[in-house]
Amino acid sequence: MIKRGEVTLIVMTDNKSGKEIMHFCSHSKLSGHDSELWFPLNENMSLFENVELVLTLNNVAYNLVGLQLLRVVSYHCRDYNAIYNKP
């Protein structure tokens, strides 16, 4: 039986670089020690591919199943829900 997991993430524009970055909320492995771990997005990949890459490289997921926009906080900030297959 396949086990599924979910995580909320924030995608926003970094004020210093102007590049998009993402943060995984309330995740023991991906949020960072002080909940300050941010991952830069690769401009040559879709958001789905970026999220899946971080999840799979960190052995959190086999693959990403779905990515749903939860809310647009502002022009530069969006919240998503990621659903993935657990290893």
C-alpha atoms as a PDB file:
ATOM      1  CA  MET A   1       0.000   0.000   0.000  1.00  0.00           C
ATOM      2  CA  ILE A   2       1.328   3.442  -0.922  1.00  0.00           C
ATOM      3  CA  LYS A   3       1.624   5.906   1.936  1.00  0.00           C
ATOM      4  CA  ARG A   4       0.992   9.550   1.160  1.00  0.00           C
ATOM      5  CA  GLY A   5       2.302  12.632   2.881  1.00  0.00           C
ATOM      6  CA  GLU A   6       1.428  16.317   2.680  1.00  0.00           C
ATOM      7  CA  VAL A   7       3.323  19.492   3.399  1.00  0.00           C
ATOM      8  CA  THR A   8       2.520  23.178   3.051  1.00  0.00           C
ATOM      9  CA  LEU A   9       5.112  25.366   1.408  1.00  0.00           C
ATOM     10  CA  ILE A  10       5.623  29.062   0.800  1.00  0.00           C
ATOM     11  CA  VAL A  11       6.938  30.380  -2.498  1.00  0.00           C
ATOM     12  CA  MET A  12       8.068  33.974  -2.500  1.00  0.00           C
ATOM     13  CA  THR A  13      10.456  36.411  -4.106  1.00  0.00           C
ATOM     14  CA  ASP A  14      13.681  36.967  -2.177  1.00  0.00           C
ATOM     15  CA  ASN A  15      14.116  40.678  -1.451  1.00  0.00           C
ATOM     16  CA  LYS A  16      17.899  40.593  -1.894  1.00  0.00           C
ATOM     17  CA  SER A  17      18.274  38.548  -5.080  1.00  0.00           C
ATOM     18  CA  GLY A  18      14.877  39.017  -6.704  1.00  0.00           C
ATOM     19  CA  LYS A  19      14.784  35.245  -7.285  1.00  0.00           C
ATOM     20  CA  GLU A  20      11.997  32.924  -6.170  1.00  0.00           C
ATOM     21  CA  ILE A  21      12.605  30.777  -3.101  1.00  0.00           C
ATOM     22  CA  MET A  22      10.549  28.147  -1.253  1.00  0.00           C
ATOM     23  CA  HIS A  23      10.151  27.133   2.373  1.00  0.00           C
ATOM     24  CA  PHE A  24       8.548  23.946   3.700  1.00  0.00           C
ATOM     25  CA  CYS A  25       6.339  24.721   6.716  1.00  0.00           C
ATOM     26  CA  SER A  26       6.370  22.597   9.894  1.00  0.00           C
ATOM     27  CA  HIS A  27       8.416  19.755   8.402  1.00  0.00           C
ATOM     28  CA  SER A  28      11.013  18.232  10.726  1.00  0.00           C
ATOM     29  CA  LYS A  29      13.546  17.659   7.960  1.00  0.00           C
ATOM     30  CA  LEU A  30      12.875  20.424   5.443  1.00  0.00           C
ATOM     31  CA  SER A  31      11.989  23.435   7.606  1.00  0.00           C
ATOM     32  CA  GLY A  32      15.431  23.848   9.118  1.00  0.00           C
ATOM     33  CA  HIS A  33      16.545  24.101  12.736  1.00  0.00           C
ATOM     34  CA  ASP A  34      14.903  27.473  13.374  1.00  0.00           C
ATOM     35  CA  SER A  35      12.321  27.206  10.575  1.00  0.00           C
ATOM     36  CA  GLU A  36      14.546  29.406   8.436  1.00  0.00           C
ATOM     37  CA  LEU A  37      15.594  26.993   5.681  1.00  0.00           C
ATOM     38  CA  TRP A  38      14.811  28.328   2.195  1.00  0.00           C
ATOM     39  CA  PHE A  39      15.498  26.624  -1.129  1.00  0.00           C
ATOM     40  CA  PRO A  40      16.155  28.609  -4.319  1.00  0.00           C
ATOM     41  CA  LEU A  41      14.022  27.712  -7.339  1.00  0.00           C
ATOM     42  CA  ASN A  42      15.692  26.694 -10.564  1.00  0.00           C
ATOM     43  CA  GLU A  43      14.296  29.029 -13.226  1.00  0.00           C
ATOM     44  CA  ASN A  44      14.644  26.303 -15.863  1.00  0.00           C
ATOM     45  CA  MET A  45      12.304  23.951 -14.010  1.00  0.00           C
ATOM     46  CA  SER A  46       8.624  24.168 -13.165  1.00  0.00           C
ATOM     47  CA  LEU A  47       7.536  24.660  -9.565  1.00  0.00           C
ATOM     48  CA  PHE A  48       6.343  21.038  -9.540  1.00  0.00           C
ATOM     49  CA  GLU A  49       9.797  19.838 -10.630  1.00  0.00           C
ATOM     50  CA  ASN A  50      11.549  22.054  -8.065  1.00  0.00           C
ATOM     51  CA  VAL A  51       9.398  20.759  -5.194  1.00  0.00           C
ATOM     52  CA  GLU A  52       9.757  17.143  -6.311  1.00  0.00           C
ATOM     53  CA  LEU A  53      13.543  17.508  -6.554  1.00  0.00           C
ATOM     54  CA  VAL A  54      13.891  18.768  -2.967  1.00  0.00           C
ATOM     55  CA  LEU A  55      11.534  16.098  -1.617  1.00  0.00           C
ATOM     56  CA  THR A  56      13.277  13.227  -3.422  1.00  0.00           C
ATOM     57  CA  LEU A  57      16.876  14.385  -2.799  1.00  0.00           C
ATOM     58  CA  ASN A  58      16.120  14.557   0.933  1.00  0.00           C
ATOM     59  CA  ASN A  59      14.459  11.103   0.965  1.00  0.00           C
ATOM     60  CA  VAL A  60      11.143  12.567   2.044  1.00  0.00           C
ATOM     61  CA  ALA A  61       9.300  11.280  -1.033  1.00  0.00           C
ATOM     62  CA  TYR A  62       9.514   8.848  -3.927  1.00  0.00           C
ATOM     63  CA  ASN A  63       7.745  11.394  -6.071  1.00  0.00           C
ATOM     64  CA  LEU A  64       5.398  14.358  -5.990  1.00  0.00           C
ATOM     65  CA  VAL A  65       1.786  13.494  -6.780  1.00  0.00           C
ATOM     66  CA  GLY A  66       0.127  16.901  -6.666  1.00  0.00           C
ATOM     67  CA  LEU A  67       0.755  20.562  -6.010  1.00  0.00           C
ATOM     68  CA  GLN A  68      -2.219  22.771  -5.187  1.00  0.00           C
ATOM     69  CA  LEU A  69      -2.282  26.535  -4.765  1.00  0.00           C
ATOM     70  CA  LEU A  70      -3.842  27.286  -1.381  1.00  0.00           C
ATOM     71  CA  ARG A  71      -3.775  31.080  -1.380  1.00  0.00           C
ATOM     72  CA  VAL A  72      -2.108  34.103  -2.868  1.00  0.00           C
ATOM     73  CA  VAL A  73      -0.833  36.138   0.061  1.00  0.00           C
ATOM     74  CA  SER A  74       0.537  38.922  -2.129  1.00  0.00           C
ATOM     75  CA  TYR A  75       1.967  39.440  -5.587  1.00  0.00           C
ATOM     76  CA  HIS A  76       5.288  38.048  -4.330  1.00  0.00           C
ATOM     77  CA  CYS A  77       4.062  35.307  -1.959  1.00  0.00           C
ATOM     78  CA  ARG A  78       1.952  32.161  -2.482  1.00  0.00           C
ATOM     79  CA  ASP A  79       1.112  29.139  -0.318  1.00  0.00           C
ATOM     80  CA  TYR A  80       0.877  25.623  -1.771  1.00  0.00           C
ATOM     81  CA  ASN A  81      -0.003  22.154  -0.543  1.00  0.00           C
ATOM     82  CA  ALA A  82       2.239  19.357  -1.837  1.00  0.00           C
ATOM     83  CA  ILE A  83       1.086  15.739  -1.827  1.00  0.00           C
ATOM     84  CA  TYR A  84       3.712  13.038  -2.251  1.00  0.00           C
ATOM     85  CA  ASN A  85       4.315   9.293  -2.066  1.00  0.00           C
ATOM     86  CA  LYS A  86       6.401   8.384   0.981  1.00  0.00           C
ATOM     87  CA  PRO A  87       9.382   6.020   0.694  1.00  0.00           C
END
